[in-house]
Amino acid sequence: MINAQAFIAAPIARVGVDICRGIWQLGAMVERWVKLFKNGRNQAVRIPREFELPGGDAVIRKEGQRLIIEPAPPKSLLAVLATLQTFEEEFPPIEGLQAEPVNL
């Protein structure tokens, strides 16, 4: 026999709610209600600070009723290299070893 009170209370115990900020935590997933607004002829959403994406571009796609927004991948190897910090260490000198002759 199922205990009705335990059955109803179990899912509620897993949900963390912060009513003041409108943030819900469902297991490992964090959700937040946001406002939609118009920007010219486009619909827009303001992304809260805790969900900020790196960079200046993003990719959006629709899966069923969900909109998925992800950081855009780097456009090229040069773009990735431009994000790296410079390497300040000195390399040790390399002795000028001669390659052994190869008979072909």
C-alpha atoms as a PDB file:
ATOM      1  CA  MET A   1       0.000   0.000   0.000  1.00  0.00           C
ATOM      2  CA  ILE A   2       1.319   3.492  -0.890  1.00  0.00           C
ATOM      3  CA  ASN A   3       1.588   6.106   1.846  1.00  0.00           C
ATOM      4  CA  ALA A   4      -0.127   9.106   0.201  1.00  0.00           C
ATOM      5  CA  GLN A   5       1.593  11.718   2.392  1.00  0.00           C
ATOM      6  CA  ALA A   6       5.082  10.318   1.666  1.00  0.00           C
ATOM      7  CA  PHE A   7       4.243  10.058  -2.037  1.00  0.00           C
ATOM      8  CA  ILE A   8       3.223  13.732  -2.234  1.00  0.00           C
ATOM      9  CA  ALA A   9       5.984  15.079   0.053  1.00  0.00           C
ATOM     10  CA  ALA A  10       8.881  13.279  -1.694  1.00  0.00           C
ATOM     11  CA  PRO A  11       8.931  15.428  -4.872  1.00  0.00           C
ATOM     12  CA  ILE A  12       8.426  18.617  -2.845  1.00  0.00           C
ATOM     13  CA  ALA A  13      11.449  17.821  -0.662  1.00  0.00           C
ATOM     14  CA  ARG A  14      13.692  17.766  -3.750  1.00  0.00           C
ATOM     15  CA  VAL A  15      12.629  21.234  -4.907  1.00  0.00           C
ATOM     16  CA  GLY A  16      14.502  24.224  -3.470  1.00  0.00           C
ATOM     17  CA  VAL A  17      12.485  27.431  -3.831  1.00  0.00           C
ATOM     18  CA  ASP A  18      13.663  31.011  -3.396  1.00  0.00           C
ATOM     19  CA  ILE A  19      10.434  32.974  -3.887  1.00  0.00           C
ATOM     20  CA  CYS A  20      12.138  36.384  -3.528  1.00  0.00           C
ATOM     21  CA  ARG A  21      14.375  35.864  -6.576  1.00  0.00           C
ATOM     22  CA  GLY A  22      12.093  33.497  -8.517  1.00  0.00           C
ATOM     23  CA  ILE A  23      14.715  30.724  -8.591  1.00  0.00           C
ATOM     24  CA  TRP A  24      13.743  27.048  -8.472  1.00  0.00           C
ATOM     25  CA  GLN A  25      16.200  24.185  -8.134  1.00  0.00           C
ATOM     26  CA  LEU A  26      15.001  20.829  -9.415  1.00  0.00           C
ATOM     27  CA  GLY A  27      17.672  18.255  -8.609  1.00  0.00           C
ATOM     28  CA  ALA A  28      20.828  19.586 -10.311  1.00  0.00           C
ATOM     29  CA  MET A  29      18.901  21.913 -12.668  1.00  0.00           C
ATOM     30  CA  VAL A  30      18.384  25.561 -11.702  1.00  0.00           C
ATOM     31  CA  GLU A  31      15.538  27.521 -13.241  1.00  0.00           C
ATOM     32  CA  ARG A  32      14.592  31.184 -13.049  1.00  0.00           C
ATOM     33  CA  TRP A  33      11.565  33.008 -14.364  1.00  0.00           C
ATOM     34  CA  VAL A  34      12.460  35.864 -16.699  1.00  0.00           C
ATOM     35  CA  LYS A  35      10.498  38.523 -18.558  1.00  0.00           C
ATOM     36  CA  LEU A  36      10.120  38.512 -22.320  1.00  0.00           C
ATOM     37  CA  PHE A  37      10.056  41.844 -24.125  1.00  0.00           C
ATOM     38  CA  LYS A  38      10.064  43.262 -27.640  1.00  0.00           C
ATOM     39  CA  ASN A  39      13.250  44.619 -29.212  1.00  0.00           C
ATOM     40  CA  GLY A  40      12.072  46.106 -32.495  1.00  0.00           C
ATOM     41  CA  ARG A  41      10.243  43.276 -34.277  1.00  0.00           C
ATOM     42  CA  ASN A  42      12.072  40.574 -32.279  1.00  0.00           C
ATOM     43  CA  GLN A  43      11.107  38.970 -28.999  1.00  0.00           C
ATOM     44  CA  ALA A  44      13.947  39.130 -26.480  1.00  0.00           C
ATOM     45  CA  VAL A  45      14.823  37.780 -23.055  1.00  0.00           C
ATOM     46  CA  ARG A  46      17.212  39.308 -20.545  1.00  0.00           C
ATOM     47  CA  ILE A  47      19.647  36.639 -19.314  1.00  0.00           C
ATOM     48  CA  PRO A  48      20.242  36.923 -15.542  1.00  0.00           C
ATOM     49  CA  ARG A  49      23.827  37.310 -14.340  1.00  0.00           C
ATOM     50  CA  GLU A  50      24.004  33.783 -12.892  1.00  0.00           C
ATOM     51  CA  PHE A  51      23.252  32.388 -16.381  1.00  0.00           C
ATOM     52  CA  GLU A  52      25.595  34.639 -18.394  1.00  0.00           C
ATOM     53  CA  LEU A  53      27.252  33.010 -21.389  1.00  0.00           C
ATOM     54  CA  PRO A  54      30.909  33.597 -22.268  1.00  0.00           C
ATOM     55  CA  GLY A  55      31.771  35.561 -25.386  1.00  0.00           C
ATOM     56  CA  GLY A  56      29.592  37.743 -27.551  1.00  0.00           C
ATOM     57  CA  ASP A  57      27.754  35.137 -29.647  1.00  0.00           C
ATOM     58  CA  ALA A  58      25.342  32.310 -28.880  1.00  0.00           C
ATOM     59  CA  VAL A  59      23.489  29.580 -30.744  1.00  0.00           C
ATOM     60  CA  ILE A  60      19.740  29.134 -30.196  1.00  0.00           C
ATOM     61  CA  ARG A  61      17.668  26.152 -31.288  1.00  0.00           C
ATOM     62  CA  LYS A  62      14.211  24.825 -30.628  1.00  0.00           C
ATOM     63  CA  GLU A  63      13.600  21.273 -29.385  1.00  0.00           C
ATOM     64  CA  GLY A  64       9.856  20.715 -29.095  1.00  0.00           C
ATOM     65  CA  GLN A  65       8.570  23.508 -26.850  1.00  0.00           C
ATOM     66  CA  ARG A  66      12.046  24.253 -25.408  1.00  0.00           C
ATOM     67  CA  LEU A  67      14.462  26.932 -26.560  1.00  0.00           C
ATOM     68  CA  ILE A  68      18.099  25.966 -25.989  1.00  0.00           C
ATOM     69  CA  ILE A  69      20.679  28.788 -25.861  1.00  0.00           C
ATOM     70  CA  GLU A  70      24.370  27.789 -25.824  1.00  0.00           C
ATOM     71  CA  PRO A  71      27.647  29.686 -26.222  1.00  0.00           C
ATOM     72  CA  ALA A  72      28.713  29.772 -29.853  1.00  0.00           C
ATOM     73  CA  PRO A  73      31.735  27.585 -30.589  1.00  0.00           C
ATOM     74  CA  PRO A  74      34.911  29.404 -31.650  1.00  0.00           C
ATOM     75  CA  LYS A  75      34.876  30.222 -35.346  1.00  0.00           C
ATOM     76  CA  SER A  76      38.460  29.189 -36.086  1.00  0.00           C
ATOM     77  CA  LEU A  77      41.719  28.041 -34.590  1.00  0.00           C
ATOM     78  CA  LEU A  78      42.912  31.653 -34.720  1.00  0.00           C
ATOM     79  CA  ALA A  79      39.938  32.697 -32.585  1.00  0.00           C
ATOM     80  CA  VAL A  80      40.838  30.048 -30.000  1.00  0.00           C
ATOM     81  CA  LEU A  81      44.509  31.071 -30.021  1.00  0.00           C
ATOM     82  CA  ALA A  82      43.512  34.724 -29.544  1.00  0.00           C
ATOM     83  CA  THR A  83      41.825  33.806 -26.243  1.00  0.00           C
ATOM     84  CA  LEU A  84      44.959  32.149 -24.799  1.00  0.00           C
ATOM     85  CA  GLN A  85      47.272  34.008 -22.457  1.00  0.00           C
ATOM     86  CA  THR A  86      50.828  34.647 -23.591  1.00  0.00           C
ATOM     87  CA  PHE A  87      53.499  32.229 -22.435  1.00  0.00           C
ATOM     88  CA  GLU A  88      56.189  34.148 -20.544  1.00  0.00           C
ATOM     89  CA  GLU A  89      58.638  31.311 -19.737  1.00  0.00           C
ATOM     90  CA  GLU A  90      62.010  31.068 -21.402  1.00  0.00           C
ATOM     91  CA  PHE A  91      62.746  27.825 -23.219  1.00  0.00           C
ATOM     92  CA  PRO A  92      66.101  26.181 -22.502  1.00  0.00           C
ATOM     93  CA  PRO A  93      68.626  26.244 -25.337  1.00  0.00           C
ATOM     94  CA  ILE A  94      68.516  23.238 -27.656  1.00  0.00           C
ATOM     95  CA  GLU A  95      71.793  21.737 -28.782  1.00  0.00           C
ATOM     96  CA  GLY A  96      72.234  21.607 -32.529  1.00  0.00           C
ATOM     97  CA  LEU A  97      72.209  17.833 -32.951  1.00  0.00           C
ATOM     98  CA  GLN A  98      72.759  16.579 -36.468  1.00  0.00           C
ATOM     99  CA  ALA A  99      70.306  14.077 -37.887  1.00  0.00           C
ATOM    100  CA  GLU A 100      71.718  10.714 -38.809  1.00  0.00           C
ATOM    101  CA  PRO A 101      71.854  10.019 -42.551  1.00  0.00           C
ATOM    102  CA  VAL A 102      69.099   7.794 -43.898  1.00  0.00           C
ATOM    103  CA  ASN A 103      69.605   5.432 -46.841  1.00  0.00           C
ATOM    104  CA  LEU A 104      66.583   5.211 -49.067  1.00  0.00           C
END
